[in-house]
Amino acid sequence: MSNLDPRSFLLGLYGSAIDAVGAGTCLPSFLPKPPVNGRTLVIGAGKGAAEMARTVEKHWQGELSGMVVTRYGHGAPCERIEVVEAAHPVPDEAGRQAAARMLEMVQGLTENDLVLCLITGGGSALLALPAPGITLEQKQALNRALLKSGAAISEMNCVRKHLSAIKGGRLALAAAPARVVTLLISDVPGDDPDMIASGPTLTDATTCADALAVLKKYRIEVPENILAHLETGAGETPKPGDARFAANSHHVIAVAQDALEAAAEYARKAGITPYILSDGIEGEARDVGIVHAAMARQVALRGQPFARPCVILSGGETTVTVRGTGRGGRNAEFLLSLAVALDQQADIHAIACDTDGIDGSEDNAGAIYGPDSLARAAELGIRARTLLDNNDGYGFFDALGDLVVTGPSRTNVNDFRAVLVL
C-alpha cells in the first residue's frame, strides 16, 4: 500500500466498475430460448443498446433480425441487427424516425414470435416519438427545460412517458400477441424497471396527474396542446396488472451495485478497505459533493466513521440546476464542489465519472481530484469557487489536465464516485 499511486488506483477502480456491467459480462446468462416455430425480432434503445445487440448476435442460436438505436458514437458492429445512431440528451429527427420504424417493425407478429428488447439508460431521448398532436420541436424544448430544472430522472421519465407514442408500455402493446422479453441495464436509482428509458415495453404505475405535478413543481411552462394532452388523460399509460402484458417478462441484468461491488473487490486486492455508501444517491451534485467532503474529512482527521486508509464508493444519479454558462457535467460539478469543500485537505483523492463514458453532454467521462488541485488551479489564476458558481467543472479540470476521457463505454449504470483517504 505504501507504493500506491492514487491516480492509477482511482482509474483502476473506475475501469473495474465498467467491466462488471458491460453487456459481454452480464447479458449471456439471461438470454431466453429461441422460439420453436416463430421468428425472433431484436429491438432496443439506449447508450449500451448496440453493445447488447452485438453480444446477442455472438451468443444466439438461430434466426435473428431487428434494430436498436443508440447515441451518436456509441454504436457497435452488428451483422444481423441494424444499429441506428441518434441524439442524446435532446432528441433529434433521427431518433424520431428510428422510433417510428421500430413501432412499425413489431406490428403483425404472432403469438409464436419472440421480441427481445434491449434497454439501457438514454433510451428516453433516443426513442423520441411524440404522441399524436405533439411535435418533436415541442418535445425537444421540454427536454431542455427538464434537464436544466434539476428534476430527478424518475420525474423526467414520468413526464416523457405520458407524452410519447412508444414509451410507457406502448411498444409492447404494438408487438402483441408476440411474447416480449426485456433485458435492462439500469441507470435509475432504485433500479425500477419501468423507469429505465421510460419503460417502452413495461406497464407504468405513474399517471398523467403525476406528470402535471412534476411540471408544476419545477415551474415548467408547456404549450396548451401538451397541457390538454395531460389534463384530459389522453396520455395515460397501461397500468400494472394489464392482461395484455401477462405473457411478457423482464430482467434487470446490471445495476450500479454491481459496479460498486467490483470496485470494492479491486480495492481490497490493492490493500485498501472499501465502504459502499449507497448505490442510489440523488440530489444536487454540489450538495452531494459537500456531504462526501465532510465524510472524507472526518475520516482523515478523526478516524470516523472509518479508519484510514479507505475508499468511500457511491453511485446513483445527481442533478444540476443550471444557473451559469460554463461547461459542466454532473460528475465534474460534484468533484469541483468536493474540492472547494475540502479546501486542500491532505491525503484525500477522488474520482467521479459517468459509467457511460460521457459526463452529461461533454466529451469526458468525468474528472479526477487530488489535494493539490486547488493550489495548481490558483497558479493558473483559476478560482474554483468562481467556476463552480458558473457550473464550469469541465473548465476547471480541463485546465489542470485532470479530465478522465475514455470514450463511450457502451453501458450505463450512471454515476461512479470514489473518495480515497490515505
Protein backbone atom coordinates (compact mmCIF):
# COMPACT_ATOMS: atom_id res chain seq x y z
CA MET A 1 0.00 0.00 0.00
CA SER A 2 2.92 2.35 0.63
CA ASN A 3 3.64 2.28 -3.11
CA LEU A 4 0.06 3.06 -4.06
CA ASP A 5 -0.30 5.67 -6.79
CA PRO A 6 -3.64 7.39 -6.02
CA ARG A 7 -4.39 8.38 -9.61
CA SER A 8 -3.74 4.92 -11.06
CA PHE A 9 -5.69 3.32 -8.22
CA LEU A 10 -8.75 5.52 -8.78
CA LEU A 11 -8.70 4.93 -12.54
CA GLY A 12 -8.40 1.21 -11.85
CA LEU A 13 -11.47 1.34 -9.63
CA TYR A 14 -13.45 3.02 -12.39
CA GLY A 15 -12.27 0.53 -15.01
CA SER A 16 -13.22 -2.45 -12.87
CA ALA A 17 -16.67 -0.94 -12.29
CA ILE A 18 -17.26 -0.53 -16.04
CA ASP A 19 -16.09 -4.05 -16.85
CA ALA A 20 -18.54 -5.53 -14.35
CA VAL A 21 -21.62 -4.01 -16.00
CA GLY A 22 -20.72 -4.47 -19.66
CA ALA A 23 -23.09 -6.49 -21.84
CA GLY A 24 -20.46 -9.14 -22.54
CA THR A 25 -20.23 -9.87 -18.83
CA CYS A 26 -23.84 -9.69 -17.70
CA LEU A 27 -26.12 -10.45 -20.67
CA PRO A 28 -25.47 -14.01 -21.97
CA SER A 29 -26.92 -15.88 -18.98
CA PHE A 30 -30.23 -14.02 -19.35
CA LEU A 31 -30.90 -14.90 -23.00
CA PRO A 32 -34.22 -16.74 -23.47
CA LYS A 33 -34.57 -19.85 -25.60
CA PRO A 34 -35.36 -19.19 -29.28
CA PRO A 35 -38.99 -19.77 -30.28
CA VAL A 36 -39.73 -23.19 -31.80
CA ASN A 37 -41.95 -22.12 -34.68
CA GLY A 38 -41.69 -18.34 -34.74
CA ARG A 39 -39.19 -15.63 -35.55
CA THR A 40 -37.01 -13.61 -33.18
CA LEU A 41 -37.03 -9.83 -33.52
CA VAL A 42 -34.49 -7.78 -31.54
CA ILE A 43 -35.32 -4.16 -30.71
CA GLY A 44 -33.79 -1.80 -28.22
CA ALA A 45 -32.59 1.64 -27.25
CA GLY A 46 -30.01 3.28 -25.03
CA LYS A 47 -26.35 4.15 -24.78
CA GLY A 48 -25.47 0.47 -24.39
CA ALA A 49 -28.05 -0.98 -26.80
CA ALA A 50 -25.61 -1.59 -29.67
CA GLU A 51 -23.16 -3.48 -27.46
CA MET A 52 -26.04 -5.53 -26.08
CA ALA A 53 -27.12 -6.32 -29.65
CA ARG A 54 -23.59 -7.40 -30.57
CA THR A 55 -23.49 -9.68 -27.53
CA VAL A 56 -26.85 -11.22 -28.50
CA GLU A 57 -25.56 -11.92 -32.01
CA LYS A 58 -22.47 -13.59 -30.60
CA HIS A 59 -24.43 -15.98 -28.36
CA TRP A 60 -27.73 -16.50 -30.19
CA GLN A 61 -28.51 -19.85 -31.77
CA GLY A 62 -30.99 -19.45 -34.60
CA GLU A 63 -32.66 -16.87 -36.82
CA LEU A 64 -32.35 -13.23 -35.78
CA SER A 65 -33.16 -9.74 -37.09
CA GLY A 66 -34.07 -6.32 -35.75
CA MET A 67 -32.90 -2.82 -34.95
CA VAL A 68 -31.57 -0.87 -31.97
CA VAL A 69 -30.97 2.86 -31.58
CA THR A 70 -28.08 4.31 -29.63
CA ARG A 71 -26.36 7.63 -29.09
CA TYR A 72 -24.08 9.07 -31.76
CA GLY A 73 -20.64 7.48 -31.32
CA HIS A 74 -21.93 4.61 -29.17
CA GLY A 75 -22.51 2.12 -31.99
CA ALA A 76 -21.03 -1.37 -32.22
CA PRO A 77 -20.61 -3.57 -35.31
CA CYS A 78 -23.50 -5.99 -35.83
CA GLU A 79 -24.26 -8.28 -38.77
CA ARG A 80 -27.94 -9.16 -38.36
CA ILE A 81 -29.25 -6.36 -36.14
CA GLU A 82 -29.33 -2.85 -37.58
CA VAL A 83 -27.76 -0.14 -35.41
CA VAL A 84 -29.11 3.41 -35.76
CA GLU A 85 -27.48 6.40 -34.03
CA ALA A 86 -29.39 9.45 -32.81
CA ALA A 87 -29.06 12.42 -30.44
CA HIS A 88 -28.93 12.41 -26.65
CA PRO A 89 -29.90 14.02 -24.27
CA VAL A 90 -32.07 16.22 -26.51
CA PRO A 91 -33.79 14.09 -29.19
CA ASP A 92 -33.49 14.70 -32.91
CA GLU A 93 -35.19 13.69 -36.16
CA ALA A 94 -33.03 10.57 -36.48
CA GLY A 95 -34.36 9.34 -33.15
CA ARG A 96 -37.93 10.13 -34.15
CA GLN A 97 -37.60 8.21 -37.41
CA ALA A 98 -35.97 5.25 -35.66
CA ALA A 99 -38.76 5.09 -33.09
CA ALA A 100 -41.42 5.21 -35.81
CA ARG A 101 -39.69 2.41 -37.73
CA MET A 102 -39.38 0.31 -34.57
CA LEU A 103 -43.07 0.70 -33.83
CA GLU A 104 -43.85 -0.50 -37.38
CA MET A 105 -41.42 -3.43 -37.15
CA VAL A 106 -43.17 -5.03 -34.18
CA GLN A 107 -46.62 -4.94 -35.74
CA GLY A 108 -48.09 -8.00 -37.42
CA LEU A 109 -46.27 -10.52 -35.22
CA THR A 110 -47.89 -13.72 -33.96
CA GLU A 111 -48.03 -15.47 -30.61
CA ASN A 112 -45.27 -17.80 -31.86
CA ASP A 113 -42.83 -14.92 -32.26
CA LEU A 114 -40.37 -13.56 -29.73
CA VAL A 115 -39.47 -9.89 -29.31
CA LEU A 116 -36.19 -9.45 -27.43
CA CYS A 117 -35.98 -5.88 -26.17
CA LEU A 118 -32.58 -4.48 -25.09
CA ILE A 119 -32.79 -1.38 -22.92
CA THR A 120 -30.22 0.84 -21.22
CA GLY A 121 -30.22 4.40 -19.96
CA GLY A 122 -30.55 7.07 -22.63
CA GLY A 123 -33.42 5.35 -24.38
CA SER A 124 -35.91 8.05 -23.40
CA ALA A 125 -34.24 10.63 -25.65
CA LEU A 126 -33.28 8.12 -28.34
CA LEU A 127 -36.83 6.76 -28.79
CA ALA A 128 -38.38 10.13 -29.46
CA LEU A 129 -41.82 9.54 -30.95
CA PRO A 130 -44.21 12.21 -29.66
CA ALA A 131 -47.85 11.37 -29.04
CA PRO A 132 -50.30 12.47 -31.76
CA GLY A 133 -50.75 16.24 -31.77
CA ILE A 134 -47.35 16.93 -30.16
CA THR A 135 -44.36 17.95 -32.27
CA LEU A 136 -40.75 16.89 -32.00
CA GLU A 137 -39.79 20.53 -31.52
CA GLN A 138 -42.08 20.75 -28.51
CA LYS A 139 -40.55 17.59 -27.03
CA GLN A 140 -37.06 19.00 -27.61
CA ALA A 141 -37.92 22.23 -25.80
CA LEU A 142 -39.47 20.32 -22.91
CA ASN A 143 -36.44 18.03 -22.66
CA ARG A 144 -34.11 21.03 -22.42
CA ALA A 145 -36.27 22.57 -19.71
CA LEU A 146 -36.35 19.34 -17.69
CA LEU A 147 -32.58 18.89 -17.99
CA LYS A 148 -31.96 22.40 -16.64
CA SER A 149 -34.59 22.20 -13.91
CA GLY A 150 -32.81 19.83 -11.52
CA ALA A 151 -35.60 17.23 -11.82
CA ALA A 152 -34.69 13.65 -10.89
CA ILE A 153 -34.52 11.07 -13.68
CA SER A 154 -37.69 9.38 -12.41
CA GLU A 155 -39.53 12.69 -12.61
CA MET A 156 -38.29 13.42 -16.12
CA ASN A 157 -39.23 9.96 -17.31
CA CYS A 158 -42.69 10.26 -15.78
CA VAL A 159 -43.33 13.28 -17.99
CA ARG A 160 -41.78 11.65 -21.05
CA LYS A 161 -43.95 8.52 -20.75
CA HIS A 162 -47.17 10.47 -20.89
CA LEU A 163 -46.22 12.48 -23.96
CA SER A 164 -44.97 9.55 -26.05
CA ALA A 165 -46.40 7.20 -28.65
CA ILE A 166 -43.86 4.47 -27.81
CA LYS A 167 -42.78 4.75 -24.16
CA GLY A 168 -44.67 3.66 -21.06
CA GLY A 169 -45.50 0.19 -22.39
CA ARG A 170 -46.83 1.26 -25.79
CA LEU A 171 -44.09 -0.56 -27.73
CA ALA A 172 -45.07 -3.87 -26.11
CA LEU A 173 -48.73 -3.25 -26.91
CA ALA A 174 -47.82 -2.75 -30.56
CA ALA A 175 -45.93 -6.09 -30.53
CA ALA A 176 -48.87 -8.13 -29.17
CA PRO A 177 -49.62 -11.01 -29.34
CA ALA A 178 -45.89 -11.78 -29.60
CA ARG A 179 -44.06 -12.58 -26.35
CA VAL A 180 -41.79 -9.74 -25.25
CA VAL A 181 -38.69 -10.40 -23.15
CA THR A 182 -36.94 -7.24 -21.97
CA LEU A 183 -33.34 -7.17 -20.72
CA LEU A 184 -32.38 -3.96 -18.93
CA ILE A 185 -29.20 -2.31 -17.71
CA SER A 186 -30.35 0.11 -15.02
CA ASP A 187 -29.37 3.77 -14.89
CA VAL A 188 -32.00 4.81 -12.36
CA PRO A 189 -31.58 4.96 -8.56
CA GLY A 190 -33.62 2.14 -7.08
CA ASP A 191 -33.46 0.15 -10.35
CA ASP A 192 -37.20 0.44 -11.03
CA PRO A 193 -37.50 -1.39 -14.39
CA ASP A 194 -40.32 0.71 -15.82
CA MET A 195 -38.33 3.91 -15.28
CA ILE A 196 -35.30 2.73 -17.28
CA ALA A 197 -35.53 4.53 -20.65
CA SER A 198 -39.15 5.33 -19.70
CA GLY A 199 -40.18 1.66 -19.94
CA PRO A 200 -41.26 1.22 -23.59
CA THR A 201 -42.24 -2.43 -23.00
CA LEU A 202 -43.38 -2.31 -19.35
CA THR A 203 -46.52 -1.20 -17.57
CA ASP A 204 -46.45 2.13 -15.75
CA ALA A 205 -47.73 2.99 -12.27
CA THR A 206 -47.45 6.76 -12.77
CA THR A 207 -50.25 8.89 -14.17
CA CYS A 208 -50.89 12.00 -16.22
CA ALA A 209 -51.60 13.75 -12.92
CA ASP A 210 -48.11 12.81 -11.73
CA ALA A 211 -46.61 14.28 -14.88
CA LEU A 212 -48.54 17.52 -14.36
CA ALA A 213 -47.27 17.65 -10.78
CA VAL A 214 -43.66 17.42 -11.99
CA LEU A 215 -44.19 20.31 -14.41
CA LYS A 216 -45.76 22.38 -11.64
CA LYS A 217 -43.03 21.50 -9.13
CA TYR A 218 -40.27 22.79 -11.41
CA ARG A 219 -42.34 25.64 -12.85
CA ILE A 220 -42.00 24.38 -16.41
CA GLU A 221 -44.45 26.03 -18.78
CA VAL A 222 -45.71 23.94 -21.69
CA PRO A 223 -47.89 24.71 -24.75
CA GLU A 224 -51.65 24.37 -24.47
CA ASN A 225 -51.78 21.18 -26.55
CA ILE A 226 -49.36 19.40 -24.18
CA LEU A 227 -51.28 20.66 -21.16
CA ALA A 228 -54.55 19.40 -22.66
CA HIS A 229 -52.97 16.02 -23.50
CA LEU A 230 -52.15 15.53 -19.83
CA GLU A 231 -55.22 17.15 -18.26
CA THR A 232 -57.68 15.10 -20.35
CA GLY A 233 -55.87 11.83 -19.66
CA ALA A 234 -55.15 11.29 -23.36
CA GLY A 235 -51.57 10.43 -22.46
CA GLU A 236 -52.41 7.73 -19.92
CA THR A 237 -50.27 4.58 -19.94
CA PRO A 238 -51.14 0.88 -19.39
CA LYS A 239 -51.05 0.04 -15.68
CA PRO A 240 -49.66 -2.90 -13.67
CA GLY A 241 -51.91 -5.95 -13.93
CA ASP A 242 -52.87 -5.23 -17.54
CA ALA A 243 -53.67 -8.65 -19.05
CA ARG A 244 -52.04 -7.70 -22.36
CA PHE A 245 -48.63 -7.97 -20.64
CA ALA A 246 -49.26 -11.35 -18.95
CA ALA A 247 -47.01 -13.41 -21.25
CA ASN A 248 -44.14 -10.91 -21.18
CA SER A 249 -41.14 -10.89 -18.84
CA HIS A 250 -38.23 -8.65 -17.95
CA HIS A 251 -34.87 -8.94 -16.20
CA VAL A 252 -32.62 -6.19 -14.86
CA ILE A 253 -29.22 -7.67 -15.75
CA ALA A 254 -26.84 -4.99 -14.42
CA VAL A 255 -27.14 -2.26 -11.79
CA ALA A 256 -24.97 0.32 -10.06
CA GLN A 257 -24.46 -2.01 -7.09
CA ASP A 258 -22.68 -4.49 -9.39
CA ALA A 259 -20.23 -1.79 -10.44
CA LEU A 260 -19.61 -0.70 -6.85
CA GLU A 261 -19.01 -4.26 -5.66
CA ALA A 262 -16.50 -4.84 -8.46
CA ALA A 263 -14.66 -1.67 -7.47
CA ALA A 264 -14.73 -2.74 -3.83
CA GLU A 265 -13.07 -6.03 -4.74
CA TYR A 266 -10.42 -4.16 -6.74
CA ALA A 267 -9.72 -2.01 -3.68
CA ARG A 268 -9.38 -4.98 -1.36
CA LYS A 269 -6.82 -6.56 -3.66
CA ALA A 270 -4.85 -3.30 -3.52
CA GLY A 271 -4.88 -3.33 0.28
CA ILE A 272 -7.45 -0.53 0.68
CA THR A 273 -10.61 -1.14 2.70
CA PRO A 274 -13.72 -0.16 0.68
CA TYR A 275 -17.00 1.16 2.03
CA ILE A 276 -20.04 1.35 -0.23
CA LEU A 277 -22.01 4.36 0.91
CA SER A 278 -25.00 3.89 -1.43
CA ASP A 279 -25.84 2.84 -4.97
CA GLY A 280 -28.76 5.29 -5.28
CA ILE A 281 -27.67 8.79 -4.24
CA GLU A 282 -29.72 11.60 -5.77
CA GLY A 283 -29.84 15.35 -5.26
CA GLU A 284 -27.88 18.39 -6.41
CA ALA A 285 -24.37 17.36 -7.43
CA ARG A 286 -22.76 20.19 -5.48
CA ASP A 287 -24.66 19.25 -2.32
CA VAL A 288 -23.63 15.62 -2.66
CA GLY A 289 -20.04 16.84 -3.09
CA ILE A 290 -20.21 18.77 0.18
CA VAL A 291 -21.51 15.73 2.08
CA HIS A 292 -18.83 13.44 0.64
CA ALA A 293 -16.17 16.03 1.55
CA ALA A 294 -17.42 16.21 5.13
CA MET A 295 -17.30 12.44 5.48
CA ALA A 296 -13.81 12.20 3.97
CA ARG A 297 -12.55 14.97 6.26
CA GLN A 298 -13.97 13.16 9.31
CA VAL A 299 -12.13 10.02 8.28
CA ALA A 300 -8.88 11.92 7.69
CA LEU A 301 -8.98 13.92 10.94
CA ARG A 302 -10.94 11.72 13.37
CA GLY A 303 -10.76 8.19 12.05
CA GLN A 304 -14.56 8.15 11.97
CA PRO A 305 -16.72 6.51 10.80
CA PHE A 306 -13.96 4.55 9.06
CA ALA A 307 -10.26 4.03 9.70
CA ARG A 308 -7.80 5.11 7.07
CA PRO A 309 -6.66 4.06 4.53
CA CYS A 310 -10.04 3.50 2.93
CA VAL A 311 -12.06 4.36 -0.14
CA ILE A 312 -15.68 5.53 0.00
CA LEU A 313 -17.71 4.37 -3.00
CA SER A 314 -21.10 5.63 -4.17
CA GLY A 315 -23.40 5.59 -7.18
CA GLY A 316 -26.76 6.92 -8.29
CA GLU A 317 -27.64 9.95 -10.36
CA THR A 318 -27.23 13.50 -9.15
CA THR A 319 -28.70 16.53 -10.88
CA VAL A 320 -27.51 20.02 -11.69
CA THR A 321 -29.74 23.06 -11.63
CA VAL A 322 -28.02 25.13 -14.30
CA ARG A 323 -27.57 28.77 -13.37
CA GLY A 324 -24.24 29.55 -15.05
CA THR A 325 -22.91 29.38 -18.59
CA GLY A 326 -19.93 27.07 -18.11
CA ARG A 327 -19.29 23.57 -19.43
CA GLY A 328 -20.50 21.24 -16.76
CA GLY A 329 -21.48 17.63 -16.32
CA ARG A 330 -22.85 16.43 -13.01
CA ASN A 331 -19.71 14.47 -12.10
CA ALA A 332 -17.41 17.43 -12.76
CA GLU A 333 -19.78 19.58 -10.70
CA PHE A 334 -19.73 17.06 -7.84
CA LEU A 335 -15.95 16.88 -7.88
CA LEU A 336 -15.42 20.64 -8.02
CA SER A 337 -17.83 21.11 -5.12
CA LEU A 338 -15.95 18.45 -3.18
CA ALA A 339 -12.65 20.22 -3.95
CA VAL A 340 -13.93 23.56 -2.69
CA ALA A 341 -15.33 21.97 0.48
CA LEU A 342 -12.12 20.05 1.24
CA ASP A 343 -10.00 23.20 0.80
CA GLN A 344 -6.75 21.30 0.14
CA GLN A 345 -7.20 18.80 2.98
CA ALA A 346 -4.20 16.47 2.82
CA ASP A 347 -4.35 12.80 1.83
CA ILE A 348 -7.75 12.88 0.11
CA HIS A 349 -8.11 11.97 -3.58
CA ALA A 350 -11.26 11.35 -5.61
CA ILE A 351 -12.71 10.38 -8.96
CA ALA A 352 -16.22 10.97 -10.30
CA CYS A 353 -17.28 9.64 -13.70
CA ASP A 354 -20.40 8.59 -15.56
CA THR A 355 -20.32 4.88 -16.33
CA ASP A 356 -21.41 5.53 -19.93
CA GLY A 357 -18.12 7.35 -20.54
CA ILE A 358 -19.82 10.72 -21.14
CA ASP A 359 -20.42 13.25 -18.36
CA GLY A 360 -23.64 14.91 -19.42
CA SER A 361 -23.11 16.14 -22.96
CA GLU A 362 -19.34 16.68 -22.85
CA ASP A 363 -16.52 14.54 -24.28
CA ASN A 364 -15.21 13.33 -20.92
CA ALA A 365 -16.38 10.61 -18.55
CA GLY A 366 -15.67 12.82 -15.55
CA ALA A 367 -12.59 14.00 -13.70
CA ILE A 368 -10.05 13.19 -11.01
CA TYR A 369 -9.10 15.26 -7.95
CA GLY A 370 -6.08 15.45 -5.66
CA PRO A 371 -5.20 17.52 -2.57
CA ASP A 372 -3.06 19.76 -4.79
CA SER A 373 -5.84 20.56 -7.28
CA LEU A 374 -6.82 23.94 -5.81
CA ALA A 375 -3.19 25.06 -5.49
CA ARG A 376 -2.42 24.10 -9.07
CA ALA A 377 -5.51 25.96 -10.23
CA ALA A 378 -4.51 29.06 -8.25
CA GLU A 379 -1.15 29.07 -10.00
CA LEU A 380 -3.06 29.32 -13.27
CA GLY A 381 -5.20 32.18 -11.94
CA ILE A 382 -8.28 29.97 -11.63
CA ARG A 383 -10.64 30.37 -8.70
CA ALA A 384 -12.51 27.14 -8.02
CA ARG A 385 -15.48 28.83 -6.36
CA THR A 386 -16.00 31.14 -9.34
CA LEU A 387 -16.07 28.23 -11.77
CA LEU A 388 -18.40 26.25 -9.52
CA ASP A 389 -20.82 29.19 -9.42
CA ASN A 390 -20.71 29.19 -13.24
CA ASN A 391 -21.37 25.42 -13.50
CA ASP A 392 -17.94 25.08 -15.12
CA GLY A 393 -16.48 21.95 -13.57
CA TYR A 394 -15.32 20.84 -17.01
CA GLY A 395 -13.33 24.04 -17.46
CA PHE A 396 -11.66 23.67 -14.06
CA PHE A 397 -10.44 20.12 -14.53
CA ASP A 398 -9.63 20.62 -18.20
CA ALA A 399 -7.21 23.42 -17.27
CA LEU A 400 -5.47 21.06 -14.84
CA GLY A 401 -5.31 18.17 -17.31
CA ASP A 402 -7.43 16.12 -14.94
CA LEU A 403 -10.41 15.22 -17.10
CA VAL A 404 -10.99 11.50 -17.48
CA VAL A 405 -11.54 10.82 -21.18
CA THR A 406 -12.38 7.23 -22.07
CA GLY A 407 -14.82 7.48 -24.95
CA PRO A 408 -18.18 5.66 -24.84
CA SER A 409 -18.21 2.62 -22.56
CA ARG A 410 -21.35 1.22 -24.24
CA THR A 411 -23.01 0.52 -20.92
CA ASN A 412 -24.68 2.79 -18.37
CA VAL A 413 -25.39 2.43 -14.65
CA ASN A 414 -24.94 6.16 -14.03
CA ASP A 415 -22.55 7.92 -11.68
CA PHE A 416 -19.48 6.30 -10.14
CA ARG A 417 -17.72 8.10 -7.30
CA ALA A 418 -14.74 7.07 -5.21
CA VAL A 419 -13.13 9.15 -2.43
CA LEU A 420 -9.78 7.79 -1.27
CA VAL A 421 -8.46 8.72 2.16
CA LEU A 422 -4.83 7.71 2.79
